[in-house]
Amino acid sequence: MTQDTRTLRLALRAHHASRTVVVGLLAAVWLLACPSTASASLLSPEAEDAMAKYIAIFALCFVPAALIVLFWMVHVLPEKIAHKRHHPQLDAIKTLCLLSLVFGGLLWPIAWLWAYTKPVGYKLAYGTDKHPDYFKEHGLPDPESPTADIRQRVAALEEHGVPASELDAIRADLAAIETRLAASDASEAE
């Protein structure tokens, strides 16, 4: 095969390819230029009316109910978080969640933040940072004092296998706190 026959074959292939493209473009122009009937829907007008009726019933009845349930679930979320974390002010958070429902959700962020906070002032006032149900749920007796609560927690740590050196350090800190409490009680009594 010579060089001339190769170039002739390549030229013929290019000519056939361009002819195919031109024919395809002409067919597309012809299809676009010819008018055809246009329909907006695949359904008949009666079927469209029936479908629109059912969509309207769904939109008017079920969508608002679903939105109300979603709104309620979001507003109860801080209460569930506080319950899971054994927050001692769970009842107040529940009340704030209900008030948030009444006021359209304006108080919800406060309830959500409150559910995640650690109640330091509550622990100072009452000696514990756990809800009273925490002790009932875990089968623990209610602590008589803050030091008794800490002793119960140390005993629970000891059962879980915490190293003795760490437990001894906690017990030493607890003894120092108890002596300071006894000294402050004695000075108040005088």
C-alpha atoms as a PDB file:
ATOM      1  CA  MET A   1       0.000   0.000   0.000  1.00  0.00           C
ATOM      2  CA  THR A   2       1.392   3.330  -0.975  1.00  0.00           C
ATOM      3  CA  GLN A   3       1.234   6.705   0.670  1.00  0.00           C
ATOM      4  CA  ASP A   4      -1.351   7.943  -1.853  1.00  0.00           C
ATOM      5  CA  THR A   5      -3.858   5.188  -1.103  1.00  0.00           C
ATOM      6  CA  ARG A   6      -3.578   5.836   2.636  1.00  0.00           C
ATOM      7  CA  THR A   7      -4.287   9.522   2.289  1.00  0.00           C
ATOM      8  CA  LEU A   8      -7.154   8.752  -0.086  1.00  0.00           C
ATOM      9  CA  ARG A   9      -8.749   6.377   2.467  1.00  0.00           C
ATOM     10  CA  LEU A  10      -8.331   8.915   5.289  1.00  0.00           C
ATOM     11  CA  ALA A  11      -9.926  11.593   3.138  1.00  0.00           C
ATOM     12  CA  LEU A  12     -12.890   9.316   2.349  1.00  0.00           C
ATOM     13  CA  ARG A  13     -13.398   8.505   6.053  1.00  0.00           C
ATOM     14  CA  ALA A  14     -13.361  12.203   6.954  1.00  0.00           C
ATOM     15  CA  HIS A  15     -15.840  12.923   4.156  1.00  0.00           C
ATOM     16  CA  HIS A  16     -18.220  10.167   5.359  1.00  0.00           C
ATOM     17  CA  ALA A  17     -17.965  11.380   8.968  1.00  0.00           C
ATOM     18  CA  SER A  18     -18.733  14.959   8.015  1.00  0.00           C
ATOM     19  CA  ARG A  19     -21.646  13.796   5.839  1.00  0.00           C
ATOM     20  CA  THR A  20     -23.066  11.870   8.850  1.00  0.00           C
ATOM     21  CA  VAL A  21     -22.802  14.933  11.068  1.00  0.00           C
ATOM     22  CA  VAL A  22     -24.479  17.137   8.460  1.00  0.00           C
ATOM     23  CA  VAL A  23     -27.340  14.659   7.979  1.00  0.00           C
ATOM     24  CA  GLY A  24     -27.837  14.471  11.779  1.00  0.00           C
ATOM     25  CA  LEU A  25     -27.923  18.256  12.082  1.00  0.00           C
ATOM     26  CA  LEU A  26     -30.423  18.537   9.222  1.00  0.00           C
ATOM     27  CA  ALA A  27     -32.663  15.936  10.889  1.00  0.00           C
ATOM     28  CA  ALA A  28     -32.541  17.842  14.200  1.00  0.00           C
ATOM     29  CA  VAL A  29     -33.406  21.147  12.486  1.00  0.00           C
ATOM     30  CA  TRP A  30     -36.297  19.479  10.652  1.00  0.00           C
ATOM     31  CA  LEU A  31     -37.687  18.032  13.935  1.00  0.00           C
ATOM     32  CA  LEU A  32     -37.457  21.412  15.642  1.00  0.00           C
ATOM     33  CA  ALA A  33     -39.017  23.282  12.725  1.00  0.00           C
ATOM     34  CA  CYS A  34     -42.024  21.013  12.308  1.00  0.00           C
ATOM     35  CA  PRO A  35     -44.911  21.918  14.642  1.00  0.00           C
ATOM     36  CA  SER A  36     -46.173  19.178  16.892  1.00  0.00           C
ATOM     37  CA  THR A  37     -48.843  18.925  19.530  1.00  0.00           C
ATOM     38  CA  ALA A  38     -47.697  19.903  22.996  1.00  0.00           C
ATOM     39  CA  SER A  39     -49.237  18.548  26.162  1.00  0.00           C
ATOM     40  CA  ALA A  40     -48.492  19.786  29.654  1.00  0.00           C
ATOM     41  CA  SER A  41     -49.336  16.557  31.405  1.00  0.00           C
ATOM     42  CA  LEU A  42     -49.370  12.863  30.846  1.00  0.00           C
ATOM     43  CA  LEU A  43     -52.762  12.596  32.565  1.00  0.00           C
ATOM     44  CA  SER A  44     -56.208  13.474  31.350  1.00  0.00           C
ATOM     45  CA  PRO A  45     -57.825  16.620  32.781  1.00  0.00           C
ATOM     46  CA  GLU A  46     -60.138  14.547  35.005  1.00  0.00           C
ATOM     47  CA  ALA A  47     -57.223  12.566  36.416  1.00  0.00           C
ATOM     48  CA  GLU A  48     -55.308  15.808  37.012  1.00  0.00           C
ATOM     49  CA  ASP A  49     -58.242  17.219  38.998  1.00  0.00           C
ATOM     50  CA  ALA A  50     -58.483  14.074  41.129  1.00  0.00           C
ATOM     51  CA  MET A  51     -54.737  14.060  41.780  1.00  0.00           C
ATOM     52  CA  ALA A  52     -54.776  17.762  42.707  1.00  0.00           C
ATOM     53  CA  LYS A  53     -57.621  17.102  45.148  1.00  0.00           C
ATOM     54  CA  TYR A  54     -55.679  14.359  46.937  1.00  0.00           C
ATOM     55  CA  ILE A  55     -52.502  16.442  47.058  1.00  0.00           C
ATOM     56  CA  ALA A  56     -54.465  19.342  48.562  1.00  0.00           C
ATOM     57  CA  ILE A  57     -56.029  17.084  51.222  1.00  0.00           C
ATOM     58  CA  PHE A  58     -52.600  15.735  52.101  1.00  0.00           C
ATOM     59  CA  ALA A  59     -51.079  19.223  52.237  1.00  0.00           C
ATOM     60  CA  LEU A  60     -53.894  20.627  54.383  1.00  0.00           C
ATOM     61  CA  CYS A  61     -54.222  17.736  56.854  1.00  0.00           C
ATOM     62  CA  PHE A  62     -51.019  15.808  57.206  1.00  0.00           C
ATOM     63  CA  VAL A  63     -48.283  18.385  56.626  1.00  0.00           C
ATOM     64  CA  PRO A  64     -49.400  20.680  59.490  1.00  0.00           C
ATOM     65  CA  ALA A  65     -49.741  17.682  61.796  1.00  0.00           C
ATOM     66  CA  ALA A  66     -46.222  16.549  60.878  1.00  0.00           C
ATOM     67  CA  LEU A  67     -44.870  20.062  61.444  1.00  0.00           C
ATOM     68  CA  ILE A  68     -46.545  20.257  64.870  1.00  0.00           C
ATOM     69  CA  VAL A  69     -45.049  16.898  65.860  1.00  0.00           C
ATOM     70  CA  LEU A  70     -41.614  18.005  64.653  1.00  0.00           C
ATOM     71  CA  PHE A  71     -41.927  21.299  66.561  1.00  0.00           C
ATOM     72  CA  TRP A  72     -42.906  19.379  69.704  1.00  0.00           C
ATOM     73  CA  MET A  73     -40.021  16.902  69.362  1.00  0.00           C
ATOM     74  CA  VAL A  74     -37.487  19.706  68.983  1.00  0.00           C
ATOM     75  CA  HIS A  75     -38.845  21.529  72.023  1.00  0.00           C
ATOM     76  CA  VAL A  76     -38.722  18.432  74.218  1.00  0.00           C
ATOM     77  CA  LEU A  77     -35.091  17.771  73.250  1.00  0.00           C
ATOM     78  CA  PRO A  78     -33.532  19.824  76.111  1.00  0.00           C
ATOM     79  CA  GLU A  79     -35.659  17.888  78.586  1.00  0.00           C
ATOM     80  CA  LYS A  80     -34.394  14.573  77.204  1.00  0.00           C
ATOM     81  CA  ILE A  81     -30.795  15.804  77.308  1.00  0.00           C
ATOM     82  CA  ALA A  82     -31.177  16.925  80.932  1.00  0.00           C
ATOM     83  CA  HIS A  83     -32.735  13.581  81.874  1.00  0.00           C
ATOM     84  CA  LYS A  84     -29.928  11.654  80.188  1.00  0.00           C
ATOM     85  CA  ARG A  85     -27.267  13.747  81.967  1.00  0.00           C
ATOM     86  CA  HIS A  86     -29.076  13.445  85.356  1.00  0.00           C
ATOM     87  CA  HIS A  87     -29.279  17.219  85.609  1.00  0.00           C
ATOM     88  CA  PRO A  88     -30.414  18.213  89.119  1.00  0.00           C
ATOM     89  CA  GLN A  89     -32.597  21.028  87.734  1.00  0.00           C
ATOM     90  CA  LEU A  90     -34.517  18.728  85.380  1.00  0.00           C
ATOM     91  CA  ASP A  91     -37.917  19.949  86.567  1.00  0.00           C
ATOM     92  CA  ALA A  92     -37.013  23.583  85.878  1.00  0.00           C
ATOM     93  CA  ILE A  93     -35.747  22.661  82.404  1.00  0.00           C
ATOM     94  CA  LYS A  94     -39.037  20.822  81.725  1.00  0.00           C
ATOM     95  CA  THR A  95     -40.941  23.938  82.746  1.00  0.00           C
ATOM     96  CA  LEU A  96     -38.804  26.134  80.504  1.00  0.00           C
ATOM     97  CA  CYS A  97     -39.431  23.754  77.586  1.00  0.00           C
ATOM     98  CA  LEU A  98     -43.199  24.056  78.100  1.00  0.00           C
ATOM     99  CA  LEU A  99     -42.929  27.834  78.338  1.00  0.00           C
ATOM    100  CA  SER A 100     -40.922  27.779  75.145  1.00  0.00           C
ATOM    101  CA  LEU A 101     -43.818  26.020  73.417  1.00  0.00           C
ATOM    102  CA  VAL A 102     -46.181  28.740  74.616  1.00  0.00           C
ATOM    103  CA  PHE A 103     -43.879  31.564  73.520  1.00  0.00           C
ATOM    104  CA  GLY A 104     -43.208  30.113  70.077  1.00  0.00           C
ATOM    105  CA  GLY A 105     -39.732  28.758  70.692  1.00  0.00           C
ATOM    106  CA  LEU A 106     -38.058  31.918  71.972  1.00  0.00           C
ATOM    107  CA  LEU A 107     -36.942  30.256  75.217  1.00  0.00           C
ATOM    108  CA  TRP A 108     -35.808  27.005  73.605  1.00  0.00           C
ATOM    109  CA  PRO A 109     -32.123  28.003  73.168  1.00  0.00           C
ATOM    110  CA  ILE A 110     -31.927  28.888  76.863  1.00  0.00           C
ATOM    111  CA  ALA A 111     -33.371  25.495  77.828  1.00  0.00           C
ATOM    112  CA  TRP A 112     -30.962  23.744  75.470  1.00  0.00           C
ATOM    113  CA  LEU A 113     -27.938  25.543  76.916  1.00  0.00           C
ATOM    114  CA  TRP A 114     -29.170  24.964  80.463  1.00  0.00           C
ATOM    115  CA  ALA A 115     -29.477  21.224  79.818  1.00  0.00           C
ATOM    116  CA  TYR A 116     -25.784  21.087  78.850  1.00  0.00           C
ATOM    117  CA  THR A 117     -24.442  23.213  81.729  1.00  0.00           C
ATOM    118  CA  LYS A 118     -22.847  21.864  84.860  1.00  0.00           C
ATOM    119  CA  PRO A 119     -24.819  23.273  87.807  1.00  0.00           C
ATOM    120  CA  VAL A 120     -21.970  24.568  89.997  1.00  0.00           C
ATOM    121  CA  GLY A 121     -24.182  26.791  92.137  1.00  0.00           C
ATOM    122  CA  TYR A 122     -26.563  23.901  92.731  1.00  0.00           C
ATOM    123  CA  LYS A 123     -23.698  21.707  93.907  1.00  0.00           C
ATOM    124  CA  LEU A 124     -22.535  24.431  96.285  1.00  0.00           C
ATOM    125  CA  ALA A 125     -26.038  24.794  97.705  1.00  0.00           C
ATOM    126  CA  TYR A 126     -27.143  21.162  97.869  1.00  0.00           C
ATOM    127  CA  GLY A 127     -23.883  19.218  97.833  1.00  0.00           C
ATOM    128  CA  THR A 128     -24.553  17.202  94.688  1.00  0.00           C
ATOM    129  CA  ASP A 129     -24.765  17.786  90.969  1.00  0.00           C
ATOM    130  CA  LYS A 130     -27.024  14.809  90.255  1.00  0.00           C
ATOM    131  CA  HIS A 131     -30.804  14.649  90.095  1.00  0.00           C
ATOM    132  CA  PRO A 132     -32.349  12.694  93.022  1.00  0.00           C
ATOM    133  CA  ASP A 133     -33.569  10.074  90.528  1.00  0.00           C
ATOM    134  CA  TYR A 134     -29.924   9.299  89.689  1.00  0.00           C
ATOM    135  CA  PHE A 135     -29.410   7.518  92.998  1.00  0.00           C
ATOM    136  CA  LYS A 136     -32.685   5.576  92.641  1.00  0.00           C
ATOM    137  CA  GLU A 137     -31.904   4.521  89.057  1.00  0.00           C
ATOM    138  CA  HIS A 138     -28.463   3.224  89.996  1.00  0.00           C
ATOM    139  CA  GLY A 139     -29.601   1.538  93.209  1.00  0.00           C
ATOM    140  CA  LEU A 140     -27.561   3.853  95.419  1.00  0.00           C
ATOM    141  CA  PRO A 141     -28.774   5.195  98.765  1.00  0.00           C
ATOM    142  CA  ASP A 142     -29.348   8.944  98.948  1.00  0.00           C
ATOM    143  CA  PRO A 143     -26.247  10.641 100.345  1.00  0.00           C
ATOM    144  CA  GLU A 144     -26.572  12.312 103.734  1.00  0.00           C
ATOM    145  CA  SER A 145     -23.827  14.841 102.995  1.00  0.00           C
ATOM    146  CA  PRO A 146     -21.507  15.860 100.168  1.00  0.00           C
ATOM    147  CA  THR A 147     -18.653  13.868 101.676  1.00  0.00           C
ATOM    148  CA  ALA A 148     -20.850  10.772 101.888  1.00  0.00           C
ATOM    149  CA  ASP A 149     -21.673  11.234  98.211  1.00  0.00           C
ATOM    150  CA  ILE A 150     -17.976  11.406  97.341  1.00  0.00           C
ATOM    151  CA  ARG A 151     -17.266   8.314  99.462  1.00  0.00           C
ATOM    152  CA  GLN A 152     -19.968   6.417  97.541  1.00  0.00           C
ATOM    153  CA  ARG A 153     -18.397   7.466  94.244  1.00  0.00           C
ATOM    154  CA  VAL A 154     -14.933   6.376  95.428  1.00  0.00           C
ATOM    155  CA  ALA A 155     -16.371   2.988  96.439  1.00  0.00           C
ATOM    156  CA  ALA A 156     -17.913   2.653  92.979  1.00  0.00           C
ATOM    157  CA  LEU A 157     -14.541   3.500  91.387  1.00  0.00           C
ATOM    158  CA  GLU A 158     -12.877   0.893  93.581  1.00  0.00           C
ATOM    159  CA  GLU A 159     -15.346  -1.747  92.338  1.00  0.00           C
ATOM    160  CA  HIS A 160     -14.516  -0.835  88.732  1.00  0.00           C
ATOM    161  CA  GLY A 161     -10.816  -1.513  89.270  1.00  0.00           C
ATOM    162  CA  VAL A 162      -9.291   1.975  89.469  1.00  0.00           C
ATOM    163  CA  PRO A 163      -5.646   1.779  90.650  1.00  0.00           C
ATOM    164  CA  ALA A 164      -5.140   2.010  94.418  1.00  0.00           C
ATOM    165  CA  SER A 165      -2.700   4.935  94.134  1.00  0.00           C
ATOM    166  CA  GLU A 166      -5.367   7.124  92.511  1.00  0.00           C
ATOM    167  CA  LEU A 167      -7.959   6.065  95.089  1.00  0.00           C
ATOM    168  CA  ASP A 168      -5.567   6.862  97.937  1.00  0.00           C
ATOM    169  CA  ALA A 169      -5.013  10.367  96.516  1.00  0.00           C
ATOM    170  CA  ILE A 170      -8.797  10.908  96.298  1.00  0.00           C
ATOM    171  CA  ARG A 171      -9.244   9.644  99.870  1.00  0.00           C
ATOM    172  CA  ALA A 172      -6.493  11.999 101.125  1.00  0.00           C
ATOM    173  CA  ASP A 173      -8.201  14.955  99.425  1.00  0.00           C
ATOM    174  CA  LEU A 174     -11.513  13.883 100.916  1.00  0.00           C
ATOM    175  CA  ALA A 175     -10.005  13.688 104.419  1.00  0.00           C
ATOM    176  CA  ALA A 176      -8.573  17.206 104.023  1.00  0.00           C
ATOM    177  CA  ILE A 177     -11.976  18.528 102.950  1.00  0.00           C
ATOM    178  CA  GLU A 178     -13.695  16.817 105.872  1.00  0.00           C
ATOM    179  CA  THR A 179     -11.254  18.364 108.377  1.00  0.00           C
ATOM    180  CA  ARG A 180     -11.830  21.829 106.853  1.00  0.00           C
ATOM    181  CA  LEU A 181     -15.607  21.305 107.027  1.00  0.00           C
ATOM    182  CA  ALA A 182     -15.368  20.175 110.655  1.00  0.00           C
ATOM    183  CA  ALA A 183     -13.220  23.204 111.495  1.00  0.00           C
ATOM    184  CA  SER A 184     -15.636  25.597 109.794  1.00  0.00           C
ATOM    185  CA  ASP A 185     -18.611  23.969 111.563  1.00  0.00           C
ATOM    186  CA  ALA A 186     -16.808  24.305 114.892  1.00  0.00           C
ATOM    187  CA  SER A 187     -16.005  27.982 114.279  1.00  0.00           C
ATOM    188  CA  GLU A 188     -19.657  28.687 113.348  1.00  0.00           C
ATOM    189  CA  ALA A 189     -20.868  26.943 116.496  1.00  0.00           C
ATOM    190  CA  GLU A 190     -18.756  29.237 118.747  1.00  0.00           C
END
